[in-house]
Amino acid sequence: MNTLEKITKNIESFSKSERKVAEVILASPQTAIHSSIATLAKLADVSEPTVNRFCRRLDTKGFPDFKLHLAQSLANGTPYVNRHVEEDDGPESYTAKIFESSMACLDSARNTLDPQAVNRCVDLLTQAKKLSFFGLGASSAVAHDAMNKFFRFNVPVLCFDDVVMMRMSCINSTEGDVVVLISHTGRTKALVEIAQLARQNDAIVIGLTAKDSPLARECSMVLSMEVPEDTDVYLPMASRLAQMVLIDVLATGFILRRGSKFRENLRKVKEGIKNSRFDNPHL
């Protein structure tokens, strides 16, 4: 039972003040996710301790933990679709629900990403002799997106979504190479083996994956985010978006670290492909 279902089921057992909090949350879960405890207390016309007490009634550790669970409940809906999509939902309804749950998941991911870990990964990426991005399934699209961005940075870049090619690439790795493995769950056996093989051949392995996962344990460095999505049951949606945004974060860090001269080179690359497009009549 997710958090919204718990609130609905137990609303009659709450105190008068707690029920006010419940009604505000049920009326607009998105507002609750993006609110501070002070803001939510004001909306419900109760005290902040009442909000904290309400959160603990729902088996959470406090308001921040409650918001994470609330985001998870928005992300988890009808199997293979998304948050509370019903059989009779029309395009307006299911479009709104998917956008809302995606934004909630991205907000949760941002709040759990360690900026210092991002900085250390940018250090490794900018010092790499060669970059490799590997992903399987939904994560393969993220790996290809990473190659598309880092290919412009005048550093050798590889991208594979085939395990045999990954293995051969890792066998040919040397000191100074960086291999980035992308997996939301971190439980894909083939990628764990790839991480082991890459490290055996002196490559640095960065995992964009779940902390404390089997893959994370085999990586030199891990970037993890809390994305409220159960990929064992639901079609991966928000997890893929969060991974792509994280690639954008790393690419931006890479550009800023390289300085103004490097940014001028990027401008030249952009100019070089300008003739491949039709002119924009609105500019």
Protein backbone atom coordinates (compact mmCIF):
# COMPACT_ATOMS: atom_id res chain seq x y z
CA MET A 1 0.00 0.00 0.00
CA ASN A 2 1.53 3.33 -1.02
CA THR A 3 1.47 6.54 1.01
CA LEU A 4 -1.58 8.08 -0.69
CA GLU A 5 -3.52 4.86 -0.18
CA LYS A 6 -2.51 4.77 3.50
CA ILE A 7 -3.73 8.33 4.00
CA THR A 8 -7.06 7.60 2.31
CA LYS A 9 -7.61 4.37 4.23
CA ASN A 10 -6.73 5.79 7.65
CA ILE A 11 -8.14 9.30 7.36
CA GLU A 12 -10.99 8.56 9.79
CA SER A 13 -8.52 7.45 12.48
CA PHE A 14 -6.51 10.69 12.39
CA SER A 15 -7.01 13.46 14.91
CA LYS A 16 -8.82 16.58 13.79
CA SER A 17 -5.54 18.41 13.14
CA GLU A 18 -3.93 15.46 11.39
CA ARG A 19 -6.98 15.12 9.16
CA LYS A 20 -6.46 18.71 8.01
CA VAL A 21 -2.95 17.78 6.92
CA ALA A 22 -4.26 14.67 5.15
CA GLU A 23 -6.91 16.64 3.26
CA VAL A 24 -4.36 19.20 2.02
CA ILE A 25 -2.04 16.43 0.80
CA LEU A 26 -4.81 14.46 -0.90
CA ALA A 27 -6.11 17.61 -2.61
CA SER A 28 -2.68 18.36 -4.15
CA PRO A 29 0.12 15.81 -3.60
CA GLN A 30 2.41 17.76 -5.95
CA THR A 31 2.12 20.86 -3.78
CA ALA A 32 2.99 18.83 -0.68
CA ILE A 33 6.10 17.34 -2.33
CA HIS A 34 7.44 20.79 -3.21
CA SER A 35 6.47 22.47 0.10
CA SER A 36 8.51 23.05 3.22
CA ILE A 37 7.09 21.80 6.50
CA ALA A 38 6.23 25.40 7.43
CA THR A 39 4.33 25.93 4.18
CA LEU A 40 2.37 22.70 4.53
CA ALA A 41 1.52 23.51 8.15
CA LYS A 42 0.23 26.91 7.07
CA LEU A 43 -1.86 25.42 4.25
CA ALA A 44 -3.45 22.99 6.70
CA ASP A 45 -3.77 25.62 9.44
CA VAL A 46 -1.90 23.45 11.94
CA SER A 47 1.45 23.55 13.74
CA GLU A 48 4.70 22.11 12.37
CA PRO A 49 4.85 19.48 15.16
CA THR A 50 1.41 18.30 13.99
CA VAL A 51 2.79 17.77 10.48
CA ASN A 52 5.74 15.82 11.89
CA ARG A 53 3.39 13.71 14.04
CA PHE A 54 1.24 13.03 10.98
CA CYS A 55 4.31 11.87 9.02
CA ARG A 56 5.34 9.45 11.76
CA ARG A 57 1.82 8.04 11.89
CA LEU A 58 2.50 6.87 8.33
CA ASP A 59 5.67 4.99 9.35
CA THR A 60 8.11 7.56 8.00
CA LYS A 61 11.05 9.11 9.87
CA GLY A 62 9.87 12.68 9.46
CA PHE A 63 8.82 15.22 6.86
CA PRO A 64 11.72 14.75 4.34
CA ASP A 65 11.27 10.96 4.43
CA PHE A 66 7.51 11.39 4.08
CA LYS A 67 7.98 13.51 0.92
CA LEU A 68 10.16 10.80 -0.61
CA HIS A 69 7.50 8.16 0.09
CA LEU A 70 4.84 10.50 -1.31
CA ALA A 71 6.86 10.92 -4.52
CA GLN A 72 7.16 7.15 -4.75
CA SER A 73 3.41 6.78 -4.47
CA LEU A 74 2.96 9.26 -7.33
CA ALA A 75 5.41 7.32 -9.48
CA ASN A 76 3.85 3.91 -8.90
CA GLY A 77 0.54 3.32 -10.60
CA THR A 78 -1.04 0.84 -12.97
CA PRO A 79 1.59 -1.81 -13.89
CA TYR A 80 3.60 -0.91 -17.01
CA VAL A 81 2.16 2.58 -17.13
CA ASN A 82 2.56 5.24 -14.43
CA ARG A 83 1.10 7.08 -11.47
CA HIS A 84 -2.54 6.21 -10.89
CA VAL A 85 -3.39 5.90 -14.56
CA GLU A 86 -6.83 4.36 -14.73
CA GLU A 87 -8.30 2.23 -17.49
CA ASP A 88 -10.75 4.95 -18.49
CA ASP A 89 -8.30 7.89 -18.40
CA GLY A 90 -8.34 10.04 -21.52
CA PRO A 91 -5.27 11.63 -23.15
CA GLU A 92 -5.56 14.84 -21.12
CA SER A 93 -5.62 12.91 -17.85
CA TYR A 94 -2.85 10.38 -18.47
CA THR A 95 -0.65 13.04 -20.08
CA ALA A 96 -0.94 15.23 -16.97
CA LYS A 97 -0.30 12.31 -14.63
CA ILE A 98 2.85 11.16 -16.41
CA PHE A 99 4.28 14.68 -16.54
CA GLU A 100 3.48 15.24 -12.85
CA SER A 101 5.06 11.99 -11.71
CA SER A 102 8.15 12.61 -13.86
CA MET A 103 8.65 16.05 -12.34
CA ALA A 104 8.19 14.63 -8.84
CA CYS A 105 10.76 11.92 -9.51
CA LEU A 106 13.29 14.38 -10.90
CA ASP A 107 12.84 16.58 -7.85
CA SER A 108 13.45 13.59 -5.58
CA ALA A 109 16.52 12.59 -7.59
CA ARG A 110 17.98 16.09 -7.39
CA ASN A 111 17.55 16.25 -3.63
CA THR A 112 19.43 12.97 -3.11
CA LEU A 113 22.35 13.63 -5.48
CA ASP A 114 25.66 14.41 -3.73
CA PRO A 115 27.32 17.49 -5.34
CA GLN A 116 30.71 16.47 -3.96
CA ALA A 117 30.39 13.08 -5.68
CA VAL A 118 29.46 14.91 -8.89
CA ASN A 119 32.60 17.03 -8.53
CA ARG A 120 34.83 13.98 -8.05
CA CYS A 121 33.33 12.28 -11.11
CA VAL A 122 33.90 15.41 -13.21
CA ASP A 123 37.55 15.29 -12.07
CA LEU A 124 37.85 11.71 -13.34
CA LEU A 125 36.09 12.46 -16.63
CA THR A 126 38.21 15.52 -17.46
CA GLN A 127 41.43 13.58 -16.79
CA ALA A 128 40.44 10.50 -18.81
CA LYS A 129 42.47 9.34 -21.81
CA LYS A 130 39.40 7.54 -23.17
CA LEU A 131 35.74 7.49 -22.11
CA SER A 132 33.38 4.54 -22.48
CA PHE A 133 29.65 4.62 -21.74
CA PHE A 134 27.89 1.26 -21.32
CA GLY A 135 24.21 0.55 -20.68
CA LEU A 136 21.70 -2.22 -21.34
CA GLY A 137 17.94 -2.06 -21.91
CA ALA A 138 16.47 1.36 -21.12
CA SER A 139 19.91 2.54 -19.95
CA SER A 140 21.40 1.95 -23.41
CA ALA A 141 19.57 5.05 -24.67
CA VAL A 142 21.23 7.04 -21.87
CA ALA A 143 24.66 5.68 -22.81
CA HIS A 144 24.14 6.73 -26.44
CA ASP A 145 23.00 10.18 -25.30
CA ALA A 146 26.20 10.48 -23.23
CA MET A 147 28.34 9.57 -26.25
CA ASN A 148 26.53 12.17 -28.35
CA LYS A 149 27.45 14.86 -25.81
CA PHE A 150 30.99 13.84 -24.87
CA PHE A 151 31.94 13.10 -28.49
CA ARG A 152 32.08 16.90 -29.01
CA PHE A 153 34.70 17.30 -26.28
CA ASN A 154 37.78 16.25 -28.27
CA VAL A 155 38.38 13.10 -26.22
CA PRO A 156 38.05 9.50 -27.52
CA VAL A 157 34.57 8.21 -26.67
CA LEU A 158 33.02 4.75 -27.02
CA CYS A 159 29.47 3.55 -26.43
CA PHE A 160 28.26 -0.04 -26.42
CA ASP A 161 24.98 -1.75 -25.55
CA ASP A 162 26.30 -5.19 -26.52
CA VAL A 163 27.92 -7.26 -23.75
CA VAL A 164 30.49 -8.91 -26.04
CA MET A 165 31.67 -5.51 -27.33
CA MET A 166 31.81 -4.23 -23.75
CA ARG A 167 33.99 -7.15 -22.72
CA MET A 168 36.42 -6.66 -25.62
CA SER A 169 36.60 -2.94 -24.91
CA CYS A 170 37.36 -3.55 -21.22
CA ILE A 171 40.07 -6.09 -22.07
CA ASN A 172 41.73 -3.36 -24.15
CA SER A 173 41.43 -0.79 -21.36
CA THR A 174 44.53 0.78 -19.87
CA GLU A 175 45.38 3.04 -16.96
CA GLY A 176 43.75 6.43 -17.45
CA ASP A 177 40.66 5.08 -19.21
CA VAL A 178 37.27 5.74 -17.60
CA VAL A 179 34.33 3.37 -18.04
CA VAL A 180 30.88 4.70 -17.08
CA LEU A 181 28.30 1.98 -16.36
CA ILE A 182 24.65 3.04 -16.31
CA SER A 183 22.07 0.93 -14.48
CA HIS A 184 19.13 2.14 -12.39
CA THR A 185 18.92 -1.01 -10.26
CA GLY A 186 22.59 -2.00 -10.26
CA ARG A 187 21.54 -5.65 -10.27
CA THR A 188 22.24 -6.57 -13.90
CA LYS A 189 24.70 -9.45 -13.68
CA ALA A 190 26.42 -8.73 -17.01
CA LEU A 191 27.27 -5.16 -16.00
CA VAL A 192 28.69 -6.31 -12.65
CA GLU A 193 31.01 -8.64 -14.57
CA ILE A 194 31.95 -5.79 -16.95
CA ALA A 195 32.86 -3.58 -13.96
CA GLN A 196 35.11 -6.30 -12.57
CA LEU A 197 36.79 -6.82 -15.95
CA ALA A 198 37.39 -3.10 -16.49
CA ARG A 199 39.02 -2.70 -13.09
CA GLN A 200 41.19 -5.78 -13.66
CA ASN A 201 42.54 -3.95 -16.71
CA ASP A 202 43.32 -0.77 -14.75
CA ALA A 203 40.36 1.34 -15.92
CA ILE A 204 38.50 3.62 -13.52
CA VAL A 205 34.85 2.58 -13.30
CA ILE A 206 32.10 5.11 -12.54
CA GLY A 207 28.67 3.68 -11.76
CA LEU A 208 25.51 5.73 -12.33
CA THR A 209 23.50 3.31 -10.26
CA ALA A 210 21.79 2.53 -6.95
CA LYS A 211 23.99 2.83 -3.89
CA ASP A 212 24.89 -0.40 -2.10
CA SER A 213 23.87 -2.41 -5.18
CA PRO A 214 26.02 -5.29 -6.55
CA LEU A 215 27.21 -2.99 -9.34
CA ALA A 216 28.02 -0.14 -6.94
CA ARG A 217 30.26 -2.46 -4.93
CA GLU A 218 32.39 -3.15 -8.01
CA CYS A 219 32.82 0.49 -9.08
CA SER A 220 35.66 2.89 -8.33
CA MET A 221 33.16 5.74 -7.89
CA VAL A 222 29.37 5.81 -7.65
CA LEU A 223 26.80 8.48 -8.40
CA SER A 224 23.45 7.47 -6.98
CA MET A 225 20.02 9.09 -6.89
CA GLU A 226 16.80 8.12 -5.15
CA VAL A 227 14.33 7.77 -8.01
CA PRO A 228 10.91 6.61 -6.78
CA GLU A 229 10.23 4.03 -9.46
CA ASP A 230 9.92 0.26 -9.16
CA THR A 231 11.55 -1.02 -12.36
CA ASP A 232 10.80 -4.64 -11.37
CA VAL A 233 7.10 -3.95 -11.94
CA TYR A 234 6.71 -0.72 -13.90
CA LEU A 235 7.88 0.36 -17.33
CA PRO A 236 11.04 2.44 -16.72
CA MET A 237 10.14 6.08 -17.30
CA ALA A 238 11.38 8.55 -14.69
CA SER A 239 14.57 6.57 -13.96
CA ARG A 240 15.67 7.02 -17.56
CA LEU A 241 14.90 10.76 -17.40
CA ALA A 242 16.90 11.12 -14.18
CA GLN A 243 19.88 9.32 -15.75
CA MET A 244 19.79 11.61 -18.79
CA VAL A 245 19.67 14.71 -16.60
CA LEU A 246 22.64 13.37 -14.64
CA ILE A 247 24.57 12.97 -17.93
CA ASP A 248 23.75 16.63 -18.66
CA VAL A 249 25.08 17.57 -15.21
CA LEU A 250 28.36 15.74 -15.83
CA ALA A 251 28.73 17.19 -19.33
CA THR A 252 28.17 20.69 -17.97
CA GLY A 253 30.74 20.13 -15.25
CA PHE A 254 33.18 18.87 -17.88
CA ILE A 255 32.71 22.01 -20.03
CA LEU A 256 33.09 24.41 -17.10
CA ARG A 257 36.19 22.60 -15.83
CA ARG A 258 37.91 22.84 -19.22
CA GLY A 259 37.63 26.64 -19.31
CA SER A 260 36.87 29.35 -21.88
CA LYS A 261 39.26 28.07 -24.57
CA PHE A 262 37.47 24.73 -24.55
CA ARG A 263 34.09 26.44 -24.81
CA GLU A 264 35.36 28.30 -27.88
CA ASN A 265 36.15 24.93 -29.47
CA LEU A 266 32.58 23.80 -28.76
CA ARG A 267 31.32 26.93 -30.50
CA LYS A 268 33.36 25.97 -33.56
CA VAL A 269 31.86 22.48 -33.54
CA LYS A 270 28.40 24.04 -33.41
CA GLU A 271 29.24 26.34 -36.32
CA GLY A 272 30.63 23.38 -38.26
CA ILE A 273 27.27 21.60 -38.31
CA LYS A 274 25.20 24.74 -38.80
CA ASN A 275 24.87 24.18 -42.57
CA SER A 276 23.25 20.79 -41.97
CA ARG A 277 20.05 22.52 -40.86
CA PHE A 278 17.51 24.74 -42.56
CA ASP A 279 17.55 28.37 -41.41
CA ASN A 280 15.12 29.24 -38.64
CA PRO A 281 12.69 31.78 -40.15
CA HIS A 282 11.82 33.07 -36.67
CA LEU A 283 15.38 34.25 -35.94
